[in-house]
C-alpha atoms as a PDB file:
ATOM      1  CA  MET A   1     -22.378 -20.537   4.718  1.00  0.00           C
ATOM      2  CA  THR A   2     -24.232 -21.586   1.589  1.00  0.00           C
ATOM      3  CA  THR A   3     -22.681 -23.110  -1.504  1.00  0.00           C
ATOM      4  CA  ASN A   4     -23.590 -19.958  -3.388  1.00  0.00           C
ATOM      5  CA  ASP A   5     -21.639 -17.850  -0.870  1.00  0.00           C
ATOM      6  CA  ASP A   6     -18.645 -20.174  -1.254  1.00  0.00           C
ATOM      7  CA  GLU A   7     -18.765 -19.781  -5.024  1.00  0.00           C
ATOM      8  CA  ILE A   8     -18.939 -15.981  -4.723  1.00  0.00           C
ATOM      9  CA  GLN A   9     -15.981 -15.933  -2.347  1.00  0.00           C
ATOM     10  CA  GLU A  10     -13.924 -18.115  -4.671  1.00  0.00           C
ATOM     11  CA  ARG A  11     -14.785 -15.972  -7.701  1.00  0.00           C
ATOM     12  CA  PHE A  12     -13.908 -12.772  -5.852  1.00  0.00           C
ATOM     13  CA  ALA A  13     -10.709 -14.323  -4.520  1.00  0.00           C
ATOM     14  CA  GLN A  14      -9.528 -15.153  -8.035  1.00  0.00           C
ATOM     15  CA  LYS A  15     -10.141 -11.560  -9.105  1.00  0.00           C
ATOM     16  CA  ILE A  16      -8.364 -10.110  -6.074  1.00  0.00           C
ATOM     17  CA  LYS A  17      -5.269 -12.321  -6.309  1.00  0.00           C
ATOM     18  CA  PHE A  18      -3.642 -10.018  -8.837  1.00  0.00           C
ATOM     19  CA  ALA A  19      -2.985  -7.431  -6.080  1.00  0.00           C
ATOM     20  CA  PRO A  20       0.486  -7.531  -4.490  1.00  0.00           C
ATOM     21  CA  SER A  21      -0.659  -8.595  -1.010  1.00  0.00           C
ATOM     22  CA  ARG A  22      -3.547  -9.009   1.375  1.00  0.00           C
ATOM     23  CA  GLU A  23      -2.485  -5.879   3.256  1.00  0.00           C
ATOM     24  CA  TRP A  24      -2.344  -3.799   0.070  1.00  0.00           C
ATOM     25  CA  VAL A  25      -5.795  -4.737  -1.211  1.00  0.00           C
ATOM     26  CA  ASN A  26      -7.241  -4.430   2.295  1.00  0.00           C
ATOM     27  CA  SER A  27      -5.900  -0.870   2.518  1.00  0.00           C
ATOM     28  CA  TYR A  28      -7.406  -0.121  -0.884  1.00  0.00           C
ATOM     29  CA  PHE A  29     -10.850  -1.301   0.236  1.00  0.00           C
ATOM     30  CA  ASP A  30     -10.479   0.828   3.392  1.00  0.00           C
ATOM     31  CA  LEU A  31      -9.935   3.840   1.133  1.00  0.00           C
ATOM     32  CA  VAL A  32     -13.026   2.897  -0.892  1.00  0.00           C
ATOM     33  CA  LYS A  33     -14.960   2.698   2.383  1.00  0.00           C
ATOM     34  CA  GLN A  34     -13.954   6.302   3.043  1.00  0.00           C
ATOM     35  CA  VAL A  35     -15.458   7.242  -0.338  1.00  0.00           C
ATOM     36  CA  LEU A  36     -18.757   5.674   0.725  1.00  0.00           C
ATOM     37  CA  ASP A  37     -18.621   7.360   4.129  1.00  0.00           C
ATOM     38  CA  VAL A  38     -17.970  10.808   2.635  1.00  0.00           C
ATOM     39  CA  THR A  39     -20.685  10.540  -0.015  1.00  0.00           C
ATOM     40  CA  GLY A  40     -23.224   8.608   2.032  1.00  0.00           C
ATOM     41  CA  LEU A  41     -23.986   6.426  -0.996  1.00  0.00           C
ATOM     42  CA  GLN A  42     -25.697   3.136  -0.242  1.00  0.00           C
ATOM     43  CA  ASN A  43     -25.706  -0.075  -2.247  1.00  0.00           C
ATOM     44  CA  ASP A  44     -29.014   0.747  -3.926  1.00  0.00           C
ATOM     45  CA  ASN A  45     -28.129   4.305  -4.983  1.00  0.00           C
ATOM     46  CA  PRO A  46     -28.344   4.601  -8.810  1.00  0.00           C
ATOM     47  CA  ARG A  47     -25.420   7.026  -8.855  1.00  0.00           C
ATOM     48  CA  LEU A  48     -22.991   4.372  -7.584  1.00  0.00           C
ATOM     49  CA  THR A  49     -21.219   1.686  -9.611  1.00  0.00           C
ATOM     50  CA  MET A  50     -18.762  -0.759  -8.008  1.00  0.00           C
ATOM     51  CA  SER A  51     -17.217  -3.591  -9.992  1.00  0.00           C
ATOM     52  CA  LEU A  52     -14.425  -6.145  -9.730  1.00  0.00           C
ATOM     53  CA  SER A  53     -13.978  -6.512 -13.450  1.00  0.00           C
ATOM     54  CA  PRO A  54     -10.879  -4.814 -14.858  1.00  0.00           C
ATOM     55  CA  HIS A  55     -11.422  -2.031 -17.375  1.00  0.00           C
ATOM     56  CA  LYS A  56      -9.751  -2.318 -20.774  1.00  0.00           C
ATOM     57  CA  THR A  57      -7.268   0.367 -19.616  1.00  0.00           C
ATOM     58  CA  SER A  58      -6.202  -1.990 -16.775  1.00  0.00           C
ATOM     59  CA  TRP A  59      -7.998  -0.138 -13.983  1.00  0.00           C
ATOM     60  CA  HIS A  60      -9.209  -2.728 -11.448  1.00  0.00           C
ATOM     61  CA  PHE A  61     -11.945  -2.579  -8.773  1.00  0.00           C
ATOM     62  CA  PRO A  62     -13.145   0.817 -10.048  1.00  0.00           C
ATOM     63  CA  VAL A  63     -15.731   2.886  -8.234  1.00  0.00           C
ATOM     64  CA  SER A  64     -17.637   5.433 -10.278  1.00  0.00           C
ATOM     65  CA  ILE A  65     -20.176   8.044  -9.295  1.00  0.00           C
ATOM     66  CA  ASN A  66     -22.455   9.308 -12.040  1.00  0.00           C
ATOM     67  CA  PHE A  67     -20.412   8.004 -14.952  1.00  0.00           C
ATOM     68  CA  ARG A  68     -17.000   9.170 -13.653  1.00  0.00           C
ATOM     69  CA  TYR A  69     -14.272   7.182 -11.885  1.00  0.00           C
ATOM     70  CA  VAL A  70     -13.534   8.410  -8.347  1.00  0.00           C
ATOM     71  CA  ILE A  71     -11.137   5.658  -7.255  1.00  0.00           C
ATOM     72  CA  ALA A  72      -9.511   2.661  -8.948  1.00  0.00           C
ATOM     73  CA  MET A  73      -6.378   0.534  -8.694  1.00  0.00           C
ATOM     74  CA  GLN A  74      -4.061  -0.242 -11.562  1.00  0.00           C
ATOM     75  CA  LYS A  75      -1.439  -2.846 -12.385  1.00  0.00           C
ATOM     76  CA  ARG A  76       1.210  -2.114 -14.992  1.00  0.00           C
ATOM     77  CA  LYS A  77       4.374  -3.865 -16.112  1.00  0.00           C
ATOM     78  CA  ILE A  78       7.268  -1.390 -16.058  1.00  0.00           C
ATOM     79  CA  ASP A  79      10.817  -2.487 -16.926  1.00  0.00           C
ATOM     80  CA  GLY A  80       9.682  -6.096 -16.697  1.00  0.00           C
ATOM     81  CA  GLN A  81       8.229  -5.741 -13.181  1.00  0.00           C
ATOM     82  CA  ASP A  82       4.641  -5.460 -11.986  1.00  0.00           C
ATOM     83  CA  LYS A  83       3.874  -2.049 -10.500  1.00  0.00           C
ATOM     84  CA  TYR A  84       0.715  -1.135  -8.622  1.00  0.00           C
ATOM     85  CA  PHE A  85      -1.004   2.253  -8.547  1.00  0.00           C
ATOM     86  CA  VAL A  86      -4.095   3.879  -7.099  1.00  0.00           C
ATOM     87  CA  GLY A  87      -6.046   6.606  -8.880  1.00  0.00           C
ATOM     88  CA  LEU A  88      -8.090   9.208  -6.979  1.00  0.00           C
ATOM     89  CA  ILE A  89     -10.333  12.054  -8.044  1.00  0.00           C
ATOM     90  CA  PHE A  90      -9.584  15.590  -6.808  1.00  0.00           C
ATOM     91  CA  ALA A  91     -11.305  18.935  -7.341  1.00  0.00           C
ATOM     92  CA  SER A  92      -9.806  21.219  -9.975  1.00  0.00           C
ATOM     93  CA  TYR A  93      -8.103  23.415  -7.371  1.00  0.00           C
ATOM     94  CA  CYS A  94      -5.785  20.512  -6.521  1.00  0.00           C
ATOM     95  CA  ARG A  95      -3.243  22.211  -8.800  1.00  0.00           C
ATOM     96  CA  ASP A  96      -2.913  24.964  -6.188  1.00  0.00           C
ATOM     97  CA  ILE A  97      -2.224  22.624  -3.263  1.00  0.00           C
ATOM     98  CA  PRO A  98       1.556  22.330  -2.658  1.00  0.00           C
ATOM     99  CA  GLU A  99       1.401  18.740  -1.346  1.00  0.00           C
ATOM    100  CA  LEU A 100      -0.332  17.579  -4.522  1.00  0.00           C
ATOM    101  CA  SER A 101       1.775  19.605  -6.917  1.00  0.00           C
ATOM    102  CA  ARG A 102       5.102  18.320  -5.658  1.00  0.00           C
ATOM    103  CA  ASP A 103       4.391  14.856  -4.246  1.00  0.00           C
ATOM    104  CA  ARG A 104       6.958  12.455  -5.697  1.00  0.00           C
ATOM    105  CA  HIS A 105       4.478   9.577  -5.624  1.00  0.00           C
ATOM    106  CA  ILE A 106       2.099  11.200  -8.121  1.00  0.00           C
ATOM    107  CA  LYS A 107       3.218   9.654 -11.385  1.00  0.00           C
ATOM    108  CA  GLU A 108       0.473  10.886 -13.677  1.00  0.00           C
ATOM    109  CA  SER A 109      -2.526  13.192 -13.654  1.00  0.00           C
ATOM    110  CA  TRP A 110      -5.141  14.146 -16.162  1.00  0.00           C
ATOM    111  CA  LYS A 111      -8.140  16.408 -16.305  1.00  0.00           C
ATOM    112  CA  PHE A 112     -11.567  14.912 -16.942  1.00  0.00           C
ATOM    113  CA  SER A 113     -13.543  16.253 -19.893  1.00  0.00           C
ATOM    114  CA  ASN A 114     -16.735  18.139 -19.214  1.00  0.00           C
ATOM    115  CA  LEU A 115     -19.784  15.895 -19.310  1.00  0.00           C
ATOM    116  CA  ARG A 116     -23.141  16.911 -20.717  1.00  0.00           C
ATOM    117  CA  GLY A 117     -24.638  19.703 -18.654  1.00  0.00           C
ATOM    118  CA  GLU A 118     -21.398  20.281 -16.727  1.00  0.00           C
ATOM    119  CA  PHE A 119     -20.143  23.849 -17.085  1.00  0.00           C
ATOM    120  CA  SER A 120     -17.799  24.219 -14.110  1.00  0.00           C
ATOM    121  CA  GLU A 121     -14.144  23.238 -14.353  1.00  0.00           C
ATOM    122  CA  PRO A 122     -13.969  19.430 -14.247  1.00  0.00           C
ATOM    123  CA  PRO A 123     -11.935  17.504 -11.653  1.00  0.00           C
ATOM    124  CA  TYR A 124      -8.566  15.772 -11.990  1.00  0.00           C
ATOM    125  CA  PHE A 125      -7.636  12.114 -11.607  1.00  0.00           C
ATOM    126  CA  LEU A 126      -4.243  11.619  -9.932  1.00  0.00           C
ATOM    127  CA  ARG A 127      -2.338   8.351 -10.131  1.00  0.00           C
ATOM    128  CA  PHE A 128      -0.149   7.508  -7.113  1.00  0.00           C
ATOM    129  CA  ASP A 129       2.539   4.837  -7.197  1.00  0.00           C
ATOM    130  CA  ASN A 130       2.259   4.242  -3.437  1.00  0.00           C
ATOM    131  CA  LEU A 131      -1.124   3.461  -1.916  1.00  0.00           C
ATOM    132  CA  TYR A 132       0.058   4.037   1.641  1.00  0.00           C
ATOM    133  CA  GLU A 133       1.526   7.438   0.812  1.00  0.00           C
ATOM    134  CA  ALA A 134      -1.739   8.466  -0.860  1.00  0.00           C
ATOM    135  CA  ALA A 135      -3.756   7.419   2.208  1.00  0.00           C
ATOM    136  CA  SER A 136      -1.269   9.149   4.502  1.00  0.00           C
ATOM    137  CA  LEU A 137      -1.428  12.366   2.482  1.00  0.00           C
ATOM    138  CA  ILE A 138      -5.224  12.445   2.738  1.00  0.00           C
ATOM    139  CA  ALA A 139      -5.113  11.703   6.469  1.00  0.00           C
ATOM    140  CA  SER A 140      -2.396  14.233   7.343  1.00  0.00           C
ATOM    141  CA  SER A 141      -3.320  17.236   5.194  1.00  0.00           C
ATOM    142  CA  GLU A 142      -6.645  18.982   5.815  1.00  0.00           C
ATOM    143  CA  GLN A 143      -6.335  20.821   2.493  1.00  0.00           C
ATOM    144  CA  VAL A 144      -5.767  17.613   0.527  1.00  0.00           C
ATOM    145  CA  LYS A 145      -8.589  15.846   2.355  1.00  0.00           C
ATOM    146  CA  GLN A 146     -10.995  18.725   1.706  1.00  0.00           C
ATOM    147  CA  CYS A 147     -10.077  18.799  -1.987  1.00  0.00           C
ATOM    148  CA  TRP A 148     -10.769  15.060  -2.188  1.00  0.00           C
ATOM    149  CA  HIS A 149     -14.058  15.370  -0.301  1.00  0.00           C
ATOM    150  CA  ASP A 150     -15.199  18.330  -2.429  1.00  0.00           C
ATOM    151  CA  SER A 151     -14.659  16.352  -5.621  1.00  0.00           C
ATOM    152  CA  LEU A 152     -16.644  13.384  -4.287  1.00  0.00           C
ATOM    153  CA  ILE A 153     -19.598  15.493  -3.146  1.00  0.00           C
ATOM    154  CA  ALA A 154     -19.578  17.355  -6.475  1.00  0.00           C
ATOM    155  CA  GLU A 155     -19.887  14.050  -8.331  1.00  0.00           C
ATOM    156  CA  VAL A 156     -22.844  12.999  -6.173  1.00  0.00           C
ATOM    157  CA  ASN A 157     -24.634  16.294  -6.823  1.00  0.00           C
ATOM    158  CA  ARG A 158     -23.924  16.308 -10.552  1.00  0.00           C
ATOM    159  CA  ALA A 159     -26.637  13.807 -11.529  1.00  0.00           C
ATOM    160  CA  LYS A 160     -29.238  11.444 -10.095  1.00  0.00           C
ATOM    161  CA  ALA A 161     -28.280   8.229 -11.871  1.00  0.00           C
ATOM    162  CA  SER A 162     -25.429   6.664 -13.818  1.00  0.00           C
ATOM    163  CA  THR A 163     -25.524   4.810 -17.114  1.00  0.00           C
ATOM    164  CA  PHE A 164     -22.762   2.598 -15.628  1.00  0.00           C
ATOM    165  CA  ARG A 165     -25.237   1.281 -13.065  1.00  0.00           C
ATOM    166  CA  LYS A 166     -25.924  -1.868 -15.073  1.00  0.00           C
ATOM    167  CA  PHE A 167     -22.345  -2.964 -14.258  1.00  0.00           C
ATOM    168  CA  HIS A 168     -22.786  -2.545 -10.503  1.00  0.00           C
ATOM    169  CA  GLN A 169     -22.088  -5.660  -8.411  1.00  0.00           C
ATOM    170  CA  PRO A 170     -23.803  -5.504  -4.995  1.00  0.00           C
ATOM    171  CA  LYS A 171     -21.401  -8.049  -3.507  1.00  0.00           C
ATOM    172  CA  VAL A 172     -18.505  -5.675  -4.152  1.00  0.00           C
ATOM    173  CA  TYR A 173     -20.269  -3.152  -1.943  1.00  0.00           C
ATOM    174  CA  LYS A 174     -20.497  -5.868   0.709  1.00  0.00           C
ATOM    175  CA  LEU A 175     -16.806  -6.662   0.218  1.00  0.00           C
ATOM    176  CA  VAL A 176     -15.974  -3.063   1.128  1.00  0.00           C
ATOM    177  CA  THR A 177     -18.457  -2.500   3.944  1.00  0.00           C
ATOM    178  CA  ASP A 178     -18.634  -5.914   5.633  1.00  0.00           C
ATOM    179  CA  LYS A 179     -15.311  -6.595   7.372  1.00  0.00           C
ATOM    180  CA  ASN A 180     -16.142 -10.231   8.085  1.00  0.00           C
ATOM    181  CA  PHE A 181     -17.083 -10.977   4.485  1.00  0.00           C
ATOM    182  CA  ARG A 182     -13.951  -9.202   3.280  1.00  0.00           C
ATOM    183  CA  ALA A 183     -11.747 -11.196   5.658  1.00  0.00           C
ATOM    184  CA  GLU A 184     -13.248 -14.461   4.418  1.00  0.00           C
ATOM    185  CA  VAL A 185     -12.598 -13.534   0.779  1.00  0.00           C
ATOM    186  CA  LEU A 186      -9.038 -12.436   1.547  1.00  0.00           C
ATOM    187  CA  ASP A 187      -8.404 -15.668   3.466  1.00  0.00           C
ATOM    188  CA  VAL A 188      -9.291 -17.583   0.304  1.00  0.00           C
ATOM    189  CA  ALA A 189      -7.306 -15.283  -1.996  1.00  0.00           C
ATOM    190  CA  TYR A 190      -4.117 -15.267   0.074  1.00  0.00           C
ATOM    191  CA  SER A 191      -4.278 -18.623   1.811  1.00  0.00           C
ATOM    192  CA  GLU A 192      -0.829 -19.556   0.509  1.00  0.00           C
ATOM    193  CA  SER A 193       0.914 -16.349   1.537  1.00  0.00           C
ATOM    194  CA  LYS A 194       0.044 -15.993   5.206  1.00  0.00           C
ATOM    195  CA  PRO A 195       3.048 -14.779   7.198  1.00  0.00           C
ATOM    196  CA  ILE A 196       5.117 -17.478   8.900  1.00  0.00           C
ATOM    197  CA  LEU A 197       5.988 -16.647  12.484  1.00  0.00           C
ATOM    198  CA  GLY A 198       9.450 -17.402  13.748  1.00  0.00           C
ATOM    199  CA  LEU A 199      13.008 -16.510  12.915  1.00  0.00           C
ATOM    200  CA  LEU A 200      13.355 -14.245   9.883  1.00  0.00           C
ATOM    201  CA  PRO A 201      15.914 -15.267   7.237  1.00  0.00           C
ATOM    202  CA  ASP A 202      17.844 -12.038   7.865  1.00  0.00           C
ATOM    203  CA  GLU A 203      18.466 -13.093  11.471  1.00  0.00           C
ATOM    204  CA  ILE A 204      20.215 -16.401  10.710  1.00  0.00           C
ATOM    205  CA  ASP A 205      23.838 -15.868  11.624  1.00  0.00           C
ATOM    206  CA  GLU A 206      26.579 -17.828   9.927  1.00  0.00           C
ATOM    207  CA  PRO A 207      30.172 -16.530   9.983  1.00  0.00           C
ATOM    208  CA  GLN A 208      31.358 -15.747   6.486  1.00  0.00           C
ATOM    209  CA  GLU A 209      34.520 -14.341   4.973  1.00  0.00           C
ATOM    210  CA  PHE A 210      34.526 -10.552   5.334  1.00  0.00           C
ATOM    211  CA  TYR A 211      37.053  -8.656   3.298  1.00  0.00           C
ATOM    212  CA  GLU A 212      38.100  -5.052   2.997  1.00  0.00           C
ATOM    213  CA  GLY A 213      38.324  -3.110  -0.204  1.00  0.00           C
ATOM    214  CA  ALA A 214      37.070   0.021  -1.898  1.00  0.00           C
ATOM    215  CA  VAL A 215      33.639  -1.189  -0.837  1.00  0.00           C
ATOM    216  CA  LYS A 216      33.216  -3.274   2.306  1.00  0.00           C
ATOM    217  CA  SER A 217      31.346  -6.426   1.365  1.00  0.00           C
ATOM    218  CA  ILE A 218      30.684 -10.023   2.301  1.00  0.00           C
ATOM    219  CA  LYS A 219      29.716 -13.190   0.495  1.00  0.00           C
ATOM    220  CA  VAL A 220      26.437 -14.784   1.501  1.00  0.00           C
ATOM    221  CA  ASN A 221      24.283 -17.566   0.167  1.00  0.00           C
ATOM    222  CA  ALA A 222      20.499 -17.816   0.343  1.00  0.00           C
ATOM    223  CA  PHE A 223      20.457 -18.557   4.086  1.00  0.00           C
ATOM    224  CA  GLU A 224      23.672 -17.033   5.393  1.00  0.00           C
ATOM    225  CA  ARG A 225      24.750 -13.631   6.656  1.00  0.00           C
ATOM    226  CA  SER A 226      27.934 -12.351   8.293  1.00  0.00           C
ATOM    227  CA  GLN A 227      27.919 -10.987  11.837  1.00  0.00           C
ATOM    228  CA  LYS A 228      30.655  -8.593  10.777  1.00  0.00           C
ATOM    229  CA  ALA A 229      28.461  -7.162   8.057  1.00  0.00           C
ATOM    230  CA  ARG A 230      25.729  -6.592  10.654  1.00  0.00           C
ATOM    231  CA  ASN A 231      28.212  -4.821  12.897  1.00  0.00           C
ATOM    232  CA  THR A 232      29.414  -2.604  10.056  1.00  0.00           C
ATOM    233  CA  CYS A 233      25.826  -1.654   9.240  1.00  0.00           C
ATOM    234  CA  VAL A 234      24.975  -0.863  12.875  1.00  0.00           C
ATOM    235  CA  GLU A 235      28.200   1.073  13.406  1.00  0.00           C
ATOM    236  CA  HIS A 236      27.313   3.229  10.408  1.00  0.00           C
ATOM    237  CA  TYR A 237      23.578   3.811  11.071  1.00  0.00           C
ATOM    238  CA  GLY A 238      23.440   3.270  14.825  1.00  0.00           C
ATOM    239  CA  ALA A 239      21.368   0.745  16.819  1.00  0.00           C
ATOM    240  CA  ARG A 240      18.139   2.578  16.098  1.00  0.00           C
ATOM    241  CA  CYS A 241      15.246   1.431  13.903  1.00  0.00           C
ATOM    242  CA  GLU A 242      15.354   3.023  10.467  1.00  0.00           C
ATOM    243  CA  ILE A 243      11.546   2.938  10.341  1.00  0.00           C
ATOM    244  CA  CYS A 244      10.102   3.839  13.757  1.00  0.00           C
ATOM    245  CA  ASN A 245      13.269   5.380  15.288  1.00  0.00           C
ATOM    246  CA  MET A 246      13.160   3.095  18.322  1.00  0.00           C
ATOM    247  CA  ALA A 247      16.418   2.415  20.211  1.00  0.00           C
ATOM    248  CA  PHE A 248      16.317  -0.513  22.670  1.00  0.00           C
ATOM    249  CA  GLU A 249      18.831   1.093  25.011  1.00  0.00           C
ATOM    250  CA  SER A 250      16.621   4.153  25.489  1.00  0.00           C
ATOM    251  CA  ARG A 251      13.658   1.931  26.386  1.00  0.00           C
ATOM    252  CA  TYR A 252      15.247  -0.962  28.288  1.00  0.00           C
ATOM    253  CA  GLY A 253      18.502   0.499  29.513  1.00  0.00           C
ATOM    254  CA  GLU A 254      21.881  -1.219  29.427  1.00  0.00           C
ATOM    255  CA  VAL A 255      20.448  -4.648  28.592  1.00  0.00           C
ATOM    256  CA  GLY A 256      19.121  -3.305  25.285  1.00  0.00           C
ATOM    257  CA  LYS A 257      22.326  -1.548  24.265  1.00  0.00           C
ATOM    258  CA  GLY A 258      23.332  -2.391  20.708  1.00  0.00           C
ATOM    259  CA  PHE A 259      20.398  -4.739  20.088  1.00  0.00           C
ATOM    260  CA  ILE A 260      18.739  -4.356  16.687  1.00  0.00           C
ATOM    261  CA  HIS A 261      17.787  -6.492  13.698  1.00  0.00           C
ATOM    262  CA  VAL A 262      19.387  -5.931  10.315  1.00  0.00           C
ATOM    263  CA  HIS A 263      17.242  -6.026   7.197  1.00  0.00           C
ATOM    264  CA  HIS A 264      18.453  -6.891   3.703  1.00  0.00           C
ATOM    265  CA  LEU A 265      17.024  -4.385   1.224  1.00  0.00           C
ATOM    266  CA  LYS A 266      17.421  -7.062  -1.445  1.00  0.00           C
ATOM    267  CA  PRO A 267      15.609 -10.221  -0.244  1.00  0.00           C
ATOM    268  CA  LEU A 268      17.946 -13.163   0.316  1.00  0.00           C
ATOM    269  CA  GLY A 269      15.604 -15.350  -1.691  1.00  0.00           C
ATOM    270  CA  GLU A 270      16.309 -13.286  -4.811  1.00  0.00           C
ATOM    271  CA  ILE A 271      20.088 -13.479  -4.780  1.00  0.00           C
ATOM    272  CA  GLY A 272      22.311 -16.197  -6.142  1.00  0.00           C
ATOM    273  CA  ALA A 273      24.516 -18.736  -4.453  1.00  0.00           C
ATOM    274  CA  GLU A 274      27.134 -16.058  -3.872  1.00  0.00           C
ATOM    275  CA  TYR A 275      26.443 -12.371  -3.721  1.00  0.00           C
ATOM    276  CA  GLU A 276      28.612  -9.442  -2.671  1.00  0.00           C
ATOM    277  CA  VAL A 277      26.721  -7.389  -0.137  1.00  0.00           C
ATOM    278  CA  ASP A 278      27.640  -3.841   0.796  1.00  0.00           C
ATOM    279  CA  PRO A 279      26.716  -3.463   4.491  1.00  0.00           C
ATOM    280  CA  ILE A 280      26.129   0.270   4.092  1.00  0.00           C
ATOM    281  CA  ASN A 281      24.039   0.271   0.914  1.00  0.00           C
ATOM    282  CA  ASP A 282      22.347  -3.136   1.162  1.00  0.00           C
ATOM    283  CA  LEU A 283      21.493  -3.371   4.879  1.00  0.00           C
ATOM    284  CA  ARG A 284      19.445  -1.265   7.312  1.00  0.00           C
ATOM    285  CA  PRO A 285      18.912  -1.556  11.093  1.00  0.00           C
ATOM    286  CA  VAL A 286      15.264  -2.167  12.052  1.00  0.00           C
ATOM    287  CA  CYS A 287      13.487  -3.195  15.245  1.00  0.00           C
ATOM    288  CA  PRO A 288      11.927  -6.701  15.351  1.00  0.00           C
ATOM    289  CA  ASN A 289       8.375  -5.327  15.069  1.00  0.00           C
ATOM    290  CA  CYS A 290       9.074  -3.304  11.939  1.00  0.00           C
ATOM    291  CA  HIS A 291      11.196  -6.165  10.603  1.00  0.00           C
ATOM    292  CA  ALA A 292       8.251  -8.536  10.929  1.00  0.00           C
ATOM    293  CA  ILE A 293       5.961  -6.089   9.113  1.00  0.00           C
ATOM    294  CA  LEU A 294       8.500  -5.723   6.293  1.00  0.00           C
ATOM    295  CA  HIS A 295       8.254  -9.481   5.759  1.00  0.00           C
ATOM    296  CA  MET A 296       4.448  -9.683   5.947  1.00  0.00           C
ATOM    297  CA  ARG A 297       4.478  -9.729   2.158  1.00  0.00           C
ATOM    298  CA  LYS A 298       6.434 -11.456  -0.572  1.00  0.00           C
ATOM    299  CA  PRO A 299       8.326  -9.598  -1.885  1.00  0.00           C
ATOM    300  CA  PRO A 300       8.849  -7.622   1.340  1.00  0.00           C
ATOM    301  CA  TYR A 301       7.488  -4.134   1.810  1.00  0.00           C
ATOM    302  CA  SER A 302       9.973  -1.328   1.327  1.00  0.00           C
ATOM    303  CA  ILE A 303      11.131   0.733   4.289  1.00  0.00           C
ATOM    304  CA  ASP A 304       9.305   3.765   2.860  1.00  0.00           C
ATOM    305  CA  GLU A 305       6.058   1.782   2.599  1.00  0.00           C
ATOM    306  CA  VAL A 306       6.172   0.757   6.272  1.00  0.00           C
ATOM    307  CA  LYS A 307       7.035   4.330   7.296  1.00  0.00           C
ATOM    308  CA  ALA A 308       3.974   5.491   5.368  1.00  0.00           C
ATOM    309  CA  MET A 309       1.795   2.878   7.133  1.00  0.00           C
ATOM    310  CA  ILE A 310       2.888   4.240  10.529  1.00  0.00           C
ATOM    311  CA  LYS A 311       2.361   7.831   9.423  1.00  0.00           C
ATOM    312  CA  ALA A 312      -1.117   7.076   8.089  1.00  0.00           C
ATOM    313  CA  GLN A 313      -2.094   5.216  11.269  1.00  0.00           C
ATOM    314  CA  GLU A 314      -0.814   8.010  13.500  1.00  0.00           C
ATOM    315  CA  SER A 315      -2.765  10.586  11.480  1.00  0.00           C
ATOM    316  CA  TYR A 316      -5.932   8.460  11.644  1.00  0.00           C
ATOM    317  CA  SER A 317      -5.554   7.884  15.405  1.00  0.00           C
ATOM    318  CA  GLY A 318      -5.130  11.606  15.935  1.00  0.00           C
ATOM    319  CA  GLN A 319      -8.359  12.307  14.077  1.00  0.00           C
ATOM    320  CA  VAL A 320     -10.294   9.717  16.063  1.00  0.00           C
ATOM    321  CA  ALA A 321      -8.932  11.063  19.338  1.00  0.00           C
END
């Protein structure tokens, strides 16, 4: 690899670091790749503009076709916390699609203004607060997917060149389409946050005082958890993974009876020296595989996010099959 390539990777890595995790930004670039696949646009097409630079409205890594955004990611601070969104273009009839009109992850939508020479009803830009749910919705609903595809093709056909083209960065196209190049950039960007294999903090058992009251709770410190709290959680929810629905007894028989990990919804690293934990509201039973995926990011993924990953992958596998 040349020095110039190293410099490009480092520059891209610094831009990408703002995203919540390697997995998140990788999934975003996979969605951008779908845009390119649907439209057939190549790196040298004057209609296409791909850039890493954030827009003044805080949209990052935007992709535009003929002067109109078709996909972009956004970072906003809400109630003191960083929140991440993905914006996608949809044809105007998206308002008539039930999944898009009632999806709880669509936090904002607006209608584009007509551009010069455009007389048909313009498309909408929908902002989702969950990237995985957005990808899953596109993969699982033919109507949603078609609405998305129609909007993309309409943008390609609307004009032959974009005035945004001067901002196009060819290496961003490579970042999306070349998996090896992307992996190298992500390795640089997230070198300090690679997952550590081994025992998860949630699985370190130390007996602690467990007391009864209006709410069953225990006291834990940053590296301690009560076996009794685990038992209370499992007795309430059952020894079945909250995410993938796997029960070890049904797969392995008697030897797997009652075996399950317990996941803290509030990461142990974020709580103080002593913290009252409600085993019913603060803990969930998960299988070791899903538990490991939850902790592939800091802060951990939510249970809903991992469920959406599985749903999206199942939908994609079904299409390929």
